[in-house]
């Protein structure tokens, strides 16, 4: 629920505010990629914990499925980013200087 609230707050900002935010928070691609990998790892750990909690009878199967789907979606997104980076590298390497 907080993620939806955060998205709606971000969308309510004006273009100028977003431009200022972009200028003040420039990050390297490497840092962003490392953070995405770290987040994917955390989501995977959460899914594993959900499975363990289900085995102990602490949560229901629906929560386990949701955690596993979230982990799968995160991993698939990360794979697609990797594929795009590799494709961009291959295209750049084919350019003639």
Protein backbone atom coordinates (compact mmCIF):
# COMPACT_ATOMS: atom_id res chain seq x y z
CA UNK A 1 0.00 0.00 0.00
CA UNK A 2 2.85 2.39 0.74
CA UNK A 3 4.33 1.75 -2.70
CA UNK A 4 1.11 2.94 -4.33
CA UNK A 5 1.08 6.00 -2.08
CA UNK A 6 4.71 6.76 -3.00
CA UNK A 7 3.92 6.47 -6.71
CA UNK A 8 0.95 8.79 -6.43
CA UNK A 9 3.08 11.32 -4.52
CA UNK A 10 5.74 11.16 -7.23
CA UNK A 11 3.16 11.65 -9.98
CA UNK A 12 1.72 14.68 -8.21
CA UNK A 13 5.03 16.57 -8.41
CA UNK A 14 5.45 19.09 -11.18
CA UNK A 15 7.91 18.65 -14.03
CA UNK A 16 10.13 21.37 -12.57
CA UNK A 17 10.35 19.61 -9.23
CA UNK A 18 11.29 16.39 -10.96
CA UNK A 19 13.96 18.22 -12.96
CA UNK A 20 15.46 19.62 -9.77
CA UNK A 21 15.33 16.17 -8.18
CA UNK A 22 17.14 14.70 -11.19
CA UNK A 23 19.89 17.29 -10.95
CA UNK A 24 20.49 16.73 -7.25
CA UNK A 25 20.35 12.93 -7.28
CA UNK A 26 22.56 11.91 -10.19
CA UNK A 27 23.82 8.40 -9.69
CA UNK A 28 26.05 6.23 -11.75
CA UNK A 29 24.59 3.38 -13.75
CA UNK A 30 26.85 1.00 -11.83
CA UNK A 31 25.43 2.11 -8.48
CA UNK A 32 21.85 1.80 -9.67
CA UNK A 33 22.54 -1.67 -11.08
CA UNK A 34 24.17 -2.82 -7.84
CA UNK A 35 21.19 -1.56 -5.85
CA UNK A 36 18.80 -3.41 -8.19
CA UNK A 37 20.77 -6.63 -7.75
CA UNK A 38 20.78 -6.16 -3.98
CA UNK A 39 17.02 -5.58 -4.00
CA UNK A 40 16.46 -8.69 -6.11
CA UNK A 41 18.49 -10.69 -3.60
CA UNK A 42 16.42 -9.32 -0.72
CA UNK A 43 13.16 -10.16 -2.49
CA UNK A 44 14.44 -13.71 -3.07
CA UNK A 45 15.27 -14.02 0.63
CA UNK A 46 11.77 -12.80 1.52
CA UNK A 47 10.27 -15.47 -0.74
CA UNK A 48 12.44 -18.13 0.88
CA UNK A 49 11.37 -16.93 4.33
CA UNK A 50 7.72 -17.06 3.24
CA UNK A 51 8.18 -20.69 2.20
CA UNK A 52 9.76 -21.51 5.56
CA UNK A 53 6.95 -19.70 7.41
CA UNK A 54 4.38 -21.66 5.41
CA UNK A 55 6.02 -24.95 6.33
CA UNK A 56 5.80 -23.92 10.00
CA UNK A 57 2.12 -23.01 9.48
CA UNK A 58 2.59 -19.32 10.24
CA UNK A 59 1.23 -17.96 6.94
CA UNK A 60 -1.16 -19.19 4.26
CA UNK A 61 -0.38 -20.38 0.75
CA UNK A 62 -1.60 -17.14 -0.85
CA UNK A 63 1.09 -15.12 0.87
CA UNK A 64 3.70 -17.64 -0.26
CA UNK A 65 2.55 -17.47 -3.87
CA UNK A 66 2.58 -13.66 -3.80
CA UNK A 67 6.12 -13.60 -2.39
CA UNK A 68 7.30 -16.11 -5.00
CA UNK A 69 5.67 -14.18 -7.86
CA UNK A 70 7.26 -10.95 -6.64
CA UNK A 71 10.66 -12.65 -6.59
CA UNK A 72 10.08 -14.10 -10.06
CA UNK A 73 9.02 -10.75 -11.49
CA UNK A 74 12.04 -9.04 -9.96
CA UNK A 75 14.37 -11.66 -11.40
CA UNK A 76 12.76 -11.49 -14.85
CA UNK A 77 13.12 -7.69 -14.84
CA UNK A 78 16.78 -7.98 -13.89
CA UNK A 79 17.34 -10.51 -16.68
CA UNK A 80 15.73 -8.17 -19.22
CA UNK A 81 17.94 -5.29 -18.09
CA UNK A 82 20.98 -7.54 -18.47
CA UNK A 83 19.86 -8.55 -21.96
CA UNK A 84 19.41 -4.90 -22.97
CA UNK A 85 22.85 -3.98 -21.62
CA UNK A 86 24.46 -6.86 -23.54
CA UNK A 87 22.59 -5.91 -26.72
CA UNK A 88 23.71 -2.28 -26.36
CA UNK A 89 27.32 -3.38 -25.80
CA UNK A 90 27.22 -5.64 -28.87
CA UNK A 91 25.78 -2.82 -30.98
CA UNK A 92 28.47 -0.41 -29.81
CA UNK A 93 31.21 -2.96 -30.47
CA UNK A 94 29.98 -3.34 -34.08
CA UNK A 95 30.28 0.41 -34.74
CA UNK A 96 33.15 1.48 -36.92
CA UNK A 97 35.40 4.19 -35.63
